[in-house]
PDB file of N, CA and C in Angstrom:
ATOM      1  N   UNK A   1      22.894  24.272 -30.541  1.00  0.00           N
ATOM      2  CA  UNK A   1      22.075  24.052 -29.429  1.00  0.00           C
ATOM      3  C   UNK A   1      22.879  24.760 -28.161  1.00  0.00           C
ATOM      4  N   UNK A   2      21.971  25.647 -27.483  1.00  0.00           N
ATOM      5  CA  UNK A   2      22.390  26.457 -26.468  1.00  0.00           C
ATOM      6  C   UNK A   2      22.912  25.642 -25.241  1.00  0.00           C
ATOM      7  N   UNK A   3      23.501  26.209 -24.300  1.00  0.00           N
ATOM      8  CA  UNK A   3      24.037  25.725 -23.077  1.00  0.00           C
ATOM      9  C   UNK A   3      22.720  25.468 -22.371  1.00  0.00           C
ATOM     10  N   UNK A   4      21.754  26.178 -22.346  1.00  0.00           N
ATOM     11  CA  UNK A   4      20.400  26.070 -21.582  1.00  0.00           C
ATOM     12  C   UNK A   4      19.677  24.920 -22.151  1.00  0.00           C
ATOM     13  N   UNK A   5      19.647  24.856 -23.252  1.00  0.00           N
ATOM     14  CA  UNK A   5      18.888  23.650 -23.936  1.00  0.00           C
ATOM     15  C   UNK A   5      19.670  22.430 -23.744  1.00  0.00           C
ATOM     16  N   UNK A   6      21.084  22.534 -23.510  1.00  0.00           N
ATOM     17  CA  UNK A   6      21.832  21.220 -23.197  1.00  0.00           C
ATOM     18  C   UNK A   6      21.471  20.885 -21.787  1.00  0.00           C
ATOM     19  N   UNK A   7      21.698  21.761 -20.935  1.00  0.00           N
ATOM     20  CA  UNK A   7      21.216  21.511 -19.558  1.00  0.00           C
ATOM     21  C   UNK A   7      19.826  21.064 -19.405  1.00  0.00           C
ATOM     22  N   UNK A   8      18.945  21.391 -20.006  1.00  0.00           N
ATOM     23  CA  UNK A   8      17.588  21.046 -19.957  1.00  0.00           C
ATOM     24  C   UNK A   8      17.506  19.655 -20.466  1.00  0.00           C
ATOM     25  N   UNK A   9      17.978  19.364 -21.356  1.00  0.00           N
ATOM     26  CA  UNK A   9      17.974  17.795 -22.058  1.00  0.00           C
ATOM     27  C   UNK A   9      18.788  17.190 -20.964  1.00  0.00           C
ATOM     28  N   UNK A  10      19.950  17.395 -20.584  1.00  0.00           N
ATOM     29  CA  UNK A  10      20.340  16.765 -19.411  1.00  0.00           C
ATOM     30  C   UNK A  10      19.589  16.347 -18.155  1.00  0.00           C
ATOM     31  N   UNK A  11      18.761  17.574 -17.873  1.00  0.00           N
ATOM     32  CA  UNK A  11      17.897  17.322 -16.619  1.00  0.00           C
ATOM     33  C   UNK A  11      16.712  16.389 -16.775  1.00  0.00           C
ATOM     34  N   UNK A  12      16.128  16.437 -18.008  1.00  0.00           N
ATOM     35  CA  UNK A  12      14.957  15.407 -18.174  1.00  0.00           C
ATOM     36  C   UNK A  12      15.668  13.954 -18.631  1.00  0.00           C
ATOM     37  N   UNK A  13      16.769  13.901 -19.017  1.00  0.00           N
ATOM     38  CA  UNK A  13      17.323  12.614 -19.227  1.00  0.00           C
ATOM     39  C   UNK A  13      17.605  12.004 -17.829  1.00  0.00           C
ATOM     40  N   UNK A  14      18.275  12.925 -16.924  1.00  0.00           N
ATOM     41  CA  UNK A  14      18.399  12.250 -15.492  1.00  0.00           C
ATOM     42  C   UNK A  14      17.177  11.899 -14.621  1.00  0.00           C
ATOM     43  N   UNK A  15      16.073  12.827 -15.030  1.00  0.00           N
ATOM     44  CA  UNK A  15      14.788  12.547 -14.257  1.00  0.00           C
ATOM     45  C   UNK A  15      14.196  11.318 -14.849  1.00  0.00           C
ATOM     46  N   UNK A  16      14.301  11.099 -16.166  1.00  0.00           N
ATOM     47  CA  UNK A  16      13.740   9.730 -16.535  1.00  0.00           C
ATOM     48  C   UNK A  16      14.457   8.636 -16.285  1.00  0.00           C
ATOM     49  N   UNK A  17      15.870   8.589 -16.197  1.00  0.00           N
ATOM     50  CA  UNK A  17      16.688   7.510 -15.795  1.00  0.00           C
ATOM     51  C   UNK A  17      16.525   7.282 -14.327  1.00  0.00           C
ATOM     52  N   UNK A  18      16.236   8.431 -13.550  1.00  0.00           N
ATOM     53  CA  UNK A  18      15.936   8.122 -11.954  1.00  0.00           C
ATOM     54  C   UNK A  18      14.461   7.358 -11.809  1.00  0.00           C
ATOM     55  N   UNK A  19      13.723   7.833 -12.589  1.00  0.00           N
ATOM     56  CA  UNK A  19      12.389   7.287 -12.558  1.00  0.00           C
ATOM     57  C   UNK A  19      12.389   5.880 -13.067  1.00  0.00           C
ATOM     58  N   UNK A  20      13.031   5.300 -14.017  1.00  0.00           N
ATOM     59  CA  UNK A  20      13.128   4.225 -14.405  1.00  0.00           C
ATOM     60  C   UNK A  20      13.900   3.268 -13.429  1.00  0.00           C
ATOM     61  N   UNK A  21      14.888   3.906 -12.920  1.00  0.00           N
ATOM     62  CA  UNK A  21      15.619   3.059 -11.797  1.00  0.00           C
ATOM     63  C   UNK A  21      14.612   2.781 -10.524  1.00  0.00           C
ATOM     64  N   UNK A  22      14.054   3.751 -10.144  1.00  0.00           N
ATOM     65  CA  UNK A  22      13.060   3.623  -9.028  1.00  0.00           C
ATOM     66  C   UNK A  22      11.781   2.562  -9.353  1.00  0.00           C
ATOM     67  N   UNK A  23      11.337   2.586 -10.713  1.00  0.00           N
ATOM     68  CA  UNK A  23      10.449   1.729 -10.861  1.00  0.00           C
ATOM     69  C   UNK A  23      10.961   0.179 -10.915  1.00  0.00           C
ATOM     70  N   UNK A  24      12.148   0.114 -11.507  1.00  0.00           N
ATOM     71  CA  UNK A  24      12.793  -1.209 -11.675  1.00  0.00           C
ATOM     72  C   UNK A  24      13.147  -1.646 -10.372  1.00  0.00           C
ATOM     73  N   UNK A  25      13.573  -1.060  -9.480  1.00  0.00           N
ATOM     74  CA  UNK A  25      13.886  -1.166  -7.958  1.00  0.00           C
ATOM     75  C   UNK A  25      12.603  -1.791  -7.259  1.00  0.00           C
ATOM     76  N   UNK A  26      11.390  -1.085  -7.265  1.00  0.00           N
ATOM     77  CA  UNK A  26      10.084  -1.556  -6.900  1.00  0.00           C
ATOM     78  C   UNK A  26       9.647  -2.625  -7.495  1.00  0.00           C
ATOM     79  N   UNK A  27       9.815  -2.840  -8.726  1.00  0.00           N
ATOM     80  CA  UNK A  27       9.231  -4.103  -9.401  1.00  0.00           C
ATOM     81  C   UNK A  27      10.339  -5.216  -8.918  1.00  0.00           C
ATOM     82  N   UNK A  28      11.555  -5.161  -8.725  1.00  0.00           N
ATOM     83  CA  UNK A  28      12.532  -6.249  -8.184  1.00  0.00           C
ATOM     84  C   UNK A  28      12.093  -6.468  -6.687  1.00  0.00           C
ATOM     85  N   UNK A  29      11.839  -5.490  -5.863  1.00  0.00           N
ATOM     86  CA  UNK A  29      11.442  -5.632  -4.500  1.00  0.00           C
ATOM     87  C   UNK A  29      10.004  -6.470  -4.571  1.00  0.00           C
ATOM     88  N   UNK A  30       9.262  -6.246  -5.378  1.00  0.00           N
ATOM     89  CA  UNK A  30       7.880  -6.917  -5.429  1.00  0.00           C
ATOM     90  C   UNK A  30       8.204  -8.273  -5.513  1.00  0.00           C
ATOM     91  N   UNK A  31       8.959  -8.549  -6.549  1.00  0.00           N
ATOM     92  CA  UNK A  31       9.154  -9.945  -7.035  1.00  0.00           C
ATOM     93  C   UNK A  31       9.866 -10.640  -5.795  1.00  0.00           C
ATOM     94  N   UNK A  32      10.898 -10.133  -5.307  1.00  0.00           N
ATOM     95  CA  UNK A  32      11.524 -10.926  -4.147  1.00  0.00           C
ATOM     96  C   UNK A  32      10.716 -10.939  -2.979  1.00  0.00           C
ATOM     97  N   UNK A  33       9.656 -10.107  -2.781  1.00  0.00           N
ATOM     98  CA  UNK A  33       8.750 -10.485  -1.628  1.00  0.00           C
ATOM     99  C   UNK A  33       7.481 -10.996  -1.965  1.00  0.00           C
ATOM    100  N   UNK A  34       7.458 -11.749  -3.104  1.00  0.00           N
ATOM    101  CA  UNK A  34       6.309 -12.402  -3.542  1.00  0.00           C
ATOM    102  C   UNK A  34       5.160 -11.623  -3.845  1.00  0.00           C
ATOM    103  N   UNK A  35       5.088 -10.321  -4.198  1.00  0.00           N
ATOM    104  CA  UNK A  35       4.144  -9.268  -4.278  1.00  0.00           C
ATOM    105  C   UNK A  35       3.952  -9.133  -5.882  1.00  0.00           C
ATOM    106  N   UNK A  36       3.682 -10.291  -6.601  1.00  0.00           N
ATOM    107  CA  UNK A  36       3.592 -10.074  -8.004  1.00  0.00           C
ATOM    108  C   UNK A  36       2.300  -9.251  -8.259  1.00  0.00           C
ATOM    109  N   UNK A  37       1.244  -9.320  -7.460  1.00  0.00           N
ATOM    110  CA  UNK A  37       0.152  -8.620  -7.723  1.00  0.00           C
ATOM    111  C   UNK A  37       0.428  -7.047  -7.826  1.00  0.00           C
ATOM    112  N   UNK A  38       1.470  -6.665  -7.287  1.00  0.00           N
ATOM    113  CA  UNK A  38       1.697  -5.111  -7.257  1.00  0.00           C
ATOM    114  C   UNK A  38       2.467  -4.843  -8.443  1.00  0.00           C
ATOM    115  N   UNK A  39       3.057  -5.602  -9.250  1.00  0.00           N
ATOM    116  CA  UNK A  39       3.847  -5.415 -10.375  1.00  0.00           C
ATOM    117  C   UNK A  39       2.995  -4.792 -11.447  1.00  0.00           C
ATOM    118  N   UNK A  40       1.864  -5.375 -11.617  1.00  0.00           N
ATOM    119  CA  UNK A  40       0.861  -4.684 -12.737  1.00  0.00           C
ATOM    120  C   UNK A  40       0.664  -3.221 -12.494  1.00  0.00           C
ATOM    121  N   UNK A  41       0.453  -2.933 -11.303  1.00  0.00           N
ATOM    122  CA  UNK A  41       0.164  -1.423 -11.018  1.00  0.00           C
ATOM    123  C   UNK A  41       1.291  -0.661 -11.230  1.00  0.00           C
ATOM    124  N   UNK A  42       2.581  -1.173 -11.115  1.00  0.00           N
ATOM    125  CA  UNK A  42       3.785  -0.361 -11.224  1.00  0.00           C
ATOM    126  C   UNK A  42       3.873  -0.192 -12.676  1.00  0.00           C
ATOM    127  N   UNK A  43       3.778  -1.348 -13.440  1.00  0.00           N
ATOM    128  CA  UNK A  43       4.081  -1.221 -14.823  1.00  0.00           C
ATOM    129  C   UNK A  43       3.225  -0.275 -15.570  1.00  0.00           C
ATOM    130  N   UNK A  44       1.789  -0.141 -14.975  1.00  0.00           N
ATOM    131  CA  UNK A  44       0.854   0.770 -15.526  1.00  0.00           C
ATOM    132  C   UNK A  44       1.075   1.980 -15.372  1.00  0.00           C
ATOM    133  N   UNK A  45       1.607   2.287 -14.044  1.00  0.00           N
ATOM    134  CA  UNK A  45       1.811   3.807 -13.773  1.00  0.00           C
ATOM    135  C   UNK A  45       3.235   4.412 -14.299  1.00  0.00           C
ATOM    136  N   UNK A  46       4.098   3.468 -14.622  1.00  0.00           N
ATOM    137  CA  UNK A  46       5.395   4.041 -15.231  1.00  0.00           C
ATOM    138  C   UNK A  46       5.182   4.790 -16.328  1.00  0.00           C
ATOM    139  N   UNK A  47       4.489   4.508 -17.238  1.00  0.00           N
ATOM    140  CA  UNK A  47       4.508   5.481 -18.676  1.00  0.00           C
ATOM    141  C   UNK A  47       3.646   6.718 -18.187  1.00  0.00           C
ATOM    142  N   UNK A  48       2.713   6.726 -17.319  1.00  0.00           N
ATOM    143  CA  UNK A  48       2.014   7.899 -17.012  1.00  0.00           C
ATOM    144  C   UNK A  48       2.994   8.974 -16.295  1.00  0.00           C
ATOM    145  N   UNK A  49       3.705   8.463 -15.391  1.00  0.00           N
ATOM    146  CA  UNK A  49       4.789   9.216 -14.558  1.00  0.00           C
ATOM    147  C   UNK A  49       5.775   9.858 -15.680  1.00  0.00           C
ATOM    148  N   UNK A  50       6.190   9.011 -16.694  1.00  0.00           N
ATOM    149  CA  UNK A  50       7.250   9.397 -17.481  1.00  0.00           C
ATOM    150  C   UNK A  50       6.671  10.553 -18.488  1.00  0.00           C
ATOM    151  N   UNK A  51       5.438  10.312 -18.959  1.00  0.00           N
ATOM    152  CA  UNK A  51       4.733  11.220 -19.738  1.00  0.00           C
ATOM    153  C   UNK A  51       4.464  12.517 -19.088  1.00  0.00           C
ATOM    154  N   UNK A  52       4.280  12.486 -17.646  1.00  0.00           N
ATOM    155  CA  UNK A  52       4.107  13.672 -16.777  1.00  0.00           C
ATOM    156  C   UNK A  52       5.539  14.576 -16.605  1.00  0.00           C
ATOM    157  N   UNK A  53       6.550  13.716 -16.517  1.00  0.00           N
ATOM    158  CA  UNK A  53       7.699  14.510 -16.412  1.00  0.00           C
ATOM    159  C   UNK A  53       8.197  15.077 -17.825  1.00  0.00           C
ATOM    160  N   UNK A  54       7.883  14.403 -19.051  1.00  0.00           N
ATOM    161  CA  UNK A  54       8.222  14.993 -20.312  1.00  0.00           C
ATOM    162  C   UNK A  54       7.251  16.209 -20.385  1.00  0.00           C
ATOM    163  N   UNK A  55       6.083  16.145 -20.170  1.00  0.00           N
ATOM    164  CA  UNK A  55       4.970  17.390 -20.192  1.00  0.00           C
ATOM    165  C   UNK A  55       5.805  18.444 -19.356  1.00  0.00           C
ATOM    166  N   UNK A  56       5.997  18.332 -18.135  1.00  0.00           N
ATOM    167  CA  UNK A  56       6.519  19.377 -17.279  1.00  0.00           C
ATOM    168  C   UNK A  56       7.871  19.824 -18.001  1.00  0.00           C
ATOM    169  N   UNK A  57       8.709  19.035 -18.525  1.00  0.00           N
ATOM    170  CA  UNK A  57       9.862  19.570 -19.219  1.00  0.00           C
ATOM    171  C   UNK A  57       9.535  20.479 -20.228  1.00  0.00           C
ATOM    172  N   UNK A  58       8.671  19.862 -21.157  1.00  0.00           N
ATOM    173  CA  UNK A  58       8.302  20.715 -22.301  1.00  0.00           C
ATOM    174  C   UNK A  58       7.679  22.148 -21.983  1.00  0.00           C
ATOM    175  N   UNK A  59       6.869  22.123 -20.793  1.00  0.00           N
ATOM    176  CA  UNK A  59       6.303  23.366 -20.729  1.00  0.00           C
ATOM    177  C   UNK A  59       7.329  24.294 -19.974  1.00  0.00           C
ATOM    178  N   UNK A  60       8.527  23.750 -19.275  1.00  0.00           N
ATOM    179  CA  UNK A  60       9.478  24.793 -18.768  1.00  0.00           C
ATOM    180  C   UNK A  60      10.321  25.301 -19.921  1.00  0.00           C
ATOM    181  N   UNK A  61      10.655  24.567 -20.967  1.00  0.00           N
ATOM    182  CA  UNK A  61      11.405  25.061 -22.101  1.00  0.00           C
ATOM    183  C   UNK A  61      10.840  25.791 -23.111  1.00  0.00           C
ATOM    184  N   UNK A  62       9.463  25.739 -23.078  1.00  0.00           N
ATOM    185  CA  UNK A  62       8.729  26.564 -24.145  1.00  0.00           C
ATOM    186  C   UNK A  62       8.429  28.013 -23.837  1.00  0.00           C
TER     187      UNK A  62
END
């Protein structure tokens, strides 16, 4: 594995971790504020956002 591919791998891992942290925080805030109705939307959009990041990453490294 080259340095470039290692850096790219680290980059997508960081981005996905940050995305997860963001969504987890948003869900927690919604629960704390009694906005349970917002949780379904957050849960539904998370996989799409993760897939978008992965697709963008794949396009950059190919």
